[in-house]
Amino acid sequence: MGRVQGKVAIVTGAASGIGFETAKLFAQQGMNLVLADIEAGQLEQALADVKPICEGQGQSAIACVADVGDSASVKALADTT
């Protein structure tokens, strides 16, 4: 999957479940990540789990609390990215 290495992925719902597993997979593939979720505490834990994977590949990961049902929140997520 060298085509995705170094690219940026925004993963919504990244604090748990499919979103979290997707974030881990993208991290393992060498992508820069923006993890987004409405649950701030869980999101910080997800970032703590995923960030070392990214950094080990020379990439970065950040977290942004976002509610994808709120357009202002989605705009803030885009601005952060």
N, C-alpha and C. Protein backbone atom coordinates (compact mmCIF):
# COMPACT_ATOMS: atom_id res chain seq x y z
N MET A 1 0.82 -1.20 0.00
CA MET A 1 0.00 0.00 0.00
C MET A 1 0.85 1.25 0.00
N GLY A 2 1.91 1.27 -0.73
CA GLY A 2 2.78 2.42 -0.78
C GLY A 2 2.10 3.68 -1.30
N ARG A 3 0.96 3.52 -1.96
CA ARG A 3 0.26 4.69 -2.51
C ARG A 3 -0.31 5.59 -1.43
N VAL A 4 -0.49 5.09 -0.22
CA VAL A 4 -1.08 5.91 0.84
C VAL A 4 -0.04 6.46 1.81
N GLN A 5 1.16 5.94 1.76
CA GLN A 5 2.19 6.39 2.70
C GLN A 5 2.43 7.89 2.54
N GLY A 6 2.39 8.59 3.68
CA GLY A 6 2.62 10.02 3.70
C GLY A 6 1.39 10.86 3.42
N LYS A 7 0.30 10.23 3.03
CA LYS A 7 -0.95 10.96 2.79
C LYS A 7 -1.64 11.22 4.12
N VAL A 8 -2.67 12.06 4.11
CA VAL A 8 -3.41 12.41 5.32
C VAL A 8 -4.80 11.78 5.28
N ALA A 9 -5.18 11.17 6.38
CA ALA A 9 -6.53 10.61 6.51
C ALA A 9 -7.20 11.23 7.73
N ILE A 10 -8.43 11.67 7.54
CA ILE A 10 -9.28 12.07 8.65
C ILE A 10 -10.16 10.87 8.97
N VAL A 11 -10.10 10.40 10.19
CA VAL A 11 -10.89 9.24 10.60
C VAL A 11 -11.91 9.70 11.63
N THR A 12 -13.18 9.69 11.24
CA THR A 12 -14.23 10.05 12.19
C THR A 12 -14.65 8.80 12.95
N GLY A 13 -15.15 9.01 14.15
CA GLY A 13 -15.50 7.87 15.01
C GLY A 13 -14.26 7.12 15.45
N ALA A 14 -13.13 7.82 15.54
CA ALA A 14 -11.84 7.19 15.77
C ALA A 14 -11.60 6.76 17.21
N ALA A 15 -12.49 7.10 18.12
CA ALA A 15 -12.26 6.78 19.52
C ALA A 15 -12.52 5.31 19.85
N SER A 16 -13.27 4.63 19.00
CA SER A 16 -13.60 3.23 19.31
C SER A 16 -14.08 2.50 18.06
N GLY A 17 -14.24 1.22 18.20
CA GLY A 17 -14.84 0.40 17.16
C GLY A 17 -14.14 0.44 15.82
N ILE A 18 -14.96 0.47 14.76
CA ILE A 18 -14.43 0.44 13.40
C ILE A 18 -13.53 1.64 13.12
N GLY A 19 -13.91 2.80 13.62
CA GLY A 19 -13.09 3.99 13.42
C GLY A 19 -11.71 3.84 14.01
N PHE A 20 -11.63 3.31 15.22
CA PHE A 20 -10.34 3.11 15.87
C PHE A 20 -9.49 2.08 15.12
N GLU A 21 -10.11 0.99 14.72
CA GLU A 21 -9.38 -0.04 13.98
C GLU A 21 -8.91 0.48 12.62
N THR A 22 -9.72 1.30 11.99
CA THR A 22 -9.33 1.92 10.72
C THR A 22 -8.14 2.83 10.92
N ALA A 23 -8.18 3.62 11.99
CA ALA A 23 -7.05 4.51 12.29
C ALA A 23 -5.77 3.71 12.50
N LYS A 24 -5.84 2.61 13.22
CA LYS A 24 -4.66 1.78 13.43
C LYS A 24 -4.13 1.23 12.11
N LEU A 25 -5.03 0.78 11.25
CA LEU A 25 -4.62 0.25 9.95
C LEU A 25 -3.93 1.33 9.12
N PHE A 26 -4.53 2.54 9.07
CA PHE A 26 -3.92 3.63 8.33
C PHE A 26 -2.56 4.00 8.91
N ALA A 27 -2.44 3.98 10.23
CA ALA A 27 -1.16 4.27 10.87
C ALA A 27 -0.11 3.25 10.45
N GLN A 28 -0.49 2.00 10.43
CA GLN A 28 0.44 0.94 10.03
C GLN A 28 0.86 1.07 8.57
N GLN A 29 0.03 1.73 7.77
CA GLN A 29 0.34 1.93 6.35
C GLN A 29 1.15 3.21 6.13
N GLY A 30 1.47 3.93 7.21
CA GLY A 30 2.33 5.10 7.10
C GLY A 30 1.61 6.40 6.77
N MET A 31 0.33 6.49 7.10
CA MET A 31 -0.42 7.71 6.83
C MET A 31 -0.33 8.68 8.00
N ASN A 32 -0.41 9.97 7.71
CA ASN A 32 -0.61 10.99 8.73
C ASN A 32 -2.09 10.96 9.10
N LEU A 33 -2.41 11.08 10.37
CA LEU A 33 -3.80 10.92 10.81
C LEU A 33 -4.34 12.11 11.57
N VAL A 34 -5.60 12.38 11.31
CA VAL A 34 -6.39 13.29 12.13
C VAL A 34 -7.53 12.43 12.68
N LEU A 35 -7.48 12.15 13.97
CA LEU A 35 -8.52 11.34 14.61
C LEU A 35 -9.60 12.28 15.10
N ALA A 36 -10.85 11.96 14.79
CA ALA A 36 -11.97 12.81 15.20
C ALA A 36 -13.04 11.95 15.88
N ASP A 37 -13.61 12.50 16.93
CA ASP A 37 -14.71 11.85 17.64
C ASP A 37 -15.34 12.87 18.56
N ILE A 38 -16.55 12.58 18.99
CA ILE A 38 -17.25 13.47 19.90
C ILE A 38 -16.88 13.18 21.37
N GLU A 39 -16.33 12.00 21.61
CA GLU A 39 -15.96 11.58 22.97
C GLU A 39 -14.50 11.94 23.26
N ALA A 40 -14.29 13.08 23.92
CA ALA A 40 -12.94 13.61 24.12
C ALA A 40 -12.03 12.66 24.89
N GLY A 41 -12.50 12.08 25.97
CA GLY A 41 -11.66 11.19 26.77
C GLY A 41 -11.21 9.96 26.01
N GLN A 42 -12.13 9.33 25.34
CA GLN A 42 -11.80 8.14 24.55
C GLN A 42 -10.91 8.51 23.37
N LEU A 43 -11.13 9.69 22.82
CA LEU A 43 -10.33 10.13 21.69
C LEU A 43 -8.87 10.31 22.09
N GLU A 44 -8.64 10.88 23.26
CA GLU A 44 -7.27 11.06 23.73
C GLU A 44 -6.58 9.71 23.94
N GLN A 45 -7.32 8.73 24.43
CA GLN A 45 -6.75 7.38 24.60
C GLN A 45 -6.44 6.76 23.24
N ALA A 46 -7.35 6.94 22.29
CA ALA A 46 -7.10 6.41 20.94
C ALA A 46 -5.85 7.05 20.34
N LEU A 47 -5.70 8.35 20.52
CA LEU A 47 -4.51 9.04 20.03
C LEU A 47 -3.25 8.48 20.69
N ALA A 48 -3.32 8.26 21.98
CA ALA A 48 -2.16 7.70 22.70
C ALA A 48 -1.78 6.32 22.18
N ASP A 49 -2.77 5.57 21.71
CA ASP A 49 -2.51 4.24 21.16
C ASP A 49 -1.98 4.28 19.73
N VAL A 50 -2.46 5.23 18.93
CA VAL A 50 -2.14 5.27 17.51
C VAL A 50 -0.89 6.11 17.20
N LYS A 51 -0.68 7.16 17.97
CA LYS A 51 0.42 8.08 17.68
C LYS A 51 1.80 7.39 17.61
N PRO A 52 2.11 6.48 18.54
CA PRO A 52 3.43 5.82 18.44
C PRO A 52 3.61 5.01 17.15
N ILE A 53 2.52 4.45 16.64
CA ILE A 53 2.60 3.71 15.38
C ILE A 53 2.97 4.66 14.26
N CYS A 54 2.29 5.81 14.22
CA CYS A 54 2.58 6.81 13.19
C CYS A 54 4.01 7.32 13.31
N GLU A 55 4.39 7.70 14.51
CA GLU A 55 5.72 8.27 14.71
C GLU A 55 6.81 7.27 14.38
N GLY A 56 6.55 5.99 14.62
CA GLY A 56 7.51 4.94 14.28
C GLY A 56 7.76 4.83 12.79
N GLN A 57 6.83 5.37 12.00
CA GLN A 57 6.96 5.34 10.54
C GLN A 57 7.30 6.73 9.99
N GLY A 58 7.58 7.66 10.91
CA GLY A 58 7.93 9.01 10.47
C GLY A 58 6.74 9.88 10.11
N GLN A 59 5.56 9.50 10.56
CA GLN A 59 4.34 10.25 10.27
C GLN A 59 3.82 10.88 11.56
N SER A 60 2.70 11.58 11.46
CA SER A 60 2.15 12.25 12.63
C SER A 60 0.68 11.88 12.82
N ALA A 61 0.20 12.12 14.03
CA ALA A 61 -1.21 11.91 14.35
C ALA A 61 -1.64 12.98 15.33
N ILE A 62 -2.82 13.55 15.09
CA ILE A 62 -3.41 14.51 16.01
C ILE A 62 -4.86 14.12 16.24
N ALA A 63 -5.45 14.70 17.28
CA ALA A 63 -6.85 14.43 17.58
C ALA A 63 -7.62 15.74 17.56
N CYS A 64 -8.88 15.66 17.18
CA CYS A 64 -9.75 16.82 17.15
C CYS A 64 -11.15 16.37 17.56
N VAL A 65 -11.65 16.92 18.66
CA VAL A 65 -13.01 16.61 19.07
C VAL A 65 -13.94 17.25 18.05
N ALA A 66 -14.83 16.43 17.47
CA ALA A 66 -15.73 16.92 16.44
C ALA A 66 -17.04 16.15 16.46
N ASP A 67 -18.10 16.87 16.18
CA ASP A 67 -19.44 16.30 16.04
C ASP A 67 -19.80 16.42 14.56
N VAL A 68 -19.80 15.30 13.84
CA VAL A 68 -20.02 15.35 12.39
C VAL A 68 -21.46 15.75 12.04
N GLY A 69 -22.33 15.83 13.03
CA GLY A 69 -23.68 16.30 12.79
C GLY A 69 -23.82 17.81 12.88
N ASP A 70 -22.72 18.49 13.19
CA ASP A 70 -22.72 19.94 13.36
C ASP A 70 -21.76 20.56 12.35
N SER A 71 -22.28 21.37 11.43
CA SER A 71 -21.45 21.90 10.35
C SER A 71 -20.30 22.77 10.85
N ALA A 72 -20.51 23.53 11.92
CA ALA A 72 -19.43 24.35 12.46
C ALA A 72 -18.31 23.47 13.01
N SER A 73 -18.68 22.36 13.62
CA SER A 73 -17.70 21.44 14.15
C SER A 73 -16.90 20.78 13.02
N VAL A 74 -17.58 20.43 11.94
CA VAL A 74 -16.90 19.83 10.79
C VAL A 74 -15.96 20.84 10.14
N LYS A 75 -16.37 22.09 10.08
CA LYS A 75 -15.49 23.14 9.54
C LYS A 75 -14.24 23.28 10.41
N ALA A 76 -14.43 23.24 11.72
CA ALA A 76 -13.28 23.33 12.63
C ALA A 76 -12.35 22.14 12.43
N LEU A 77 -12.92 20.97 12.20
CA LEU A 77 -12.11 19.79 11.92
C LEU A 77 -11.31 19.99 10.63
N ALA A 78 -11.94 20.50 9.61
CA ALA A 78 -11.23 20.76 8.35
C ALA A 78 -10.13 21.79 8.54
N ASP A 79 -10.42 22.84 9.29
CA ASP A 79 -9.42 23.87 9.55
C ASP A 79 -8.23 23.29 10.33
N THR A 80 -8.50 22.44 11.29
CA THR A 80 -7.44 21.81 12.08
C THR A 80 -6.58 20.92 11.20
N THR A 81 -7.22 20.21 10.31
CA THR A 81 -6.50 19.31 9.40
C THR A 81 -5.56 20.11 8.52
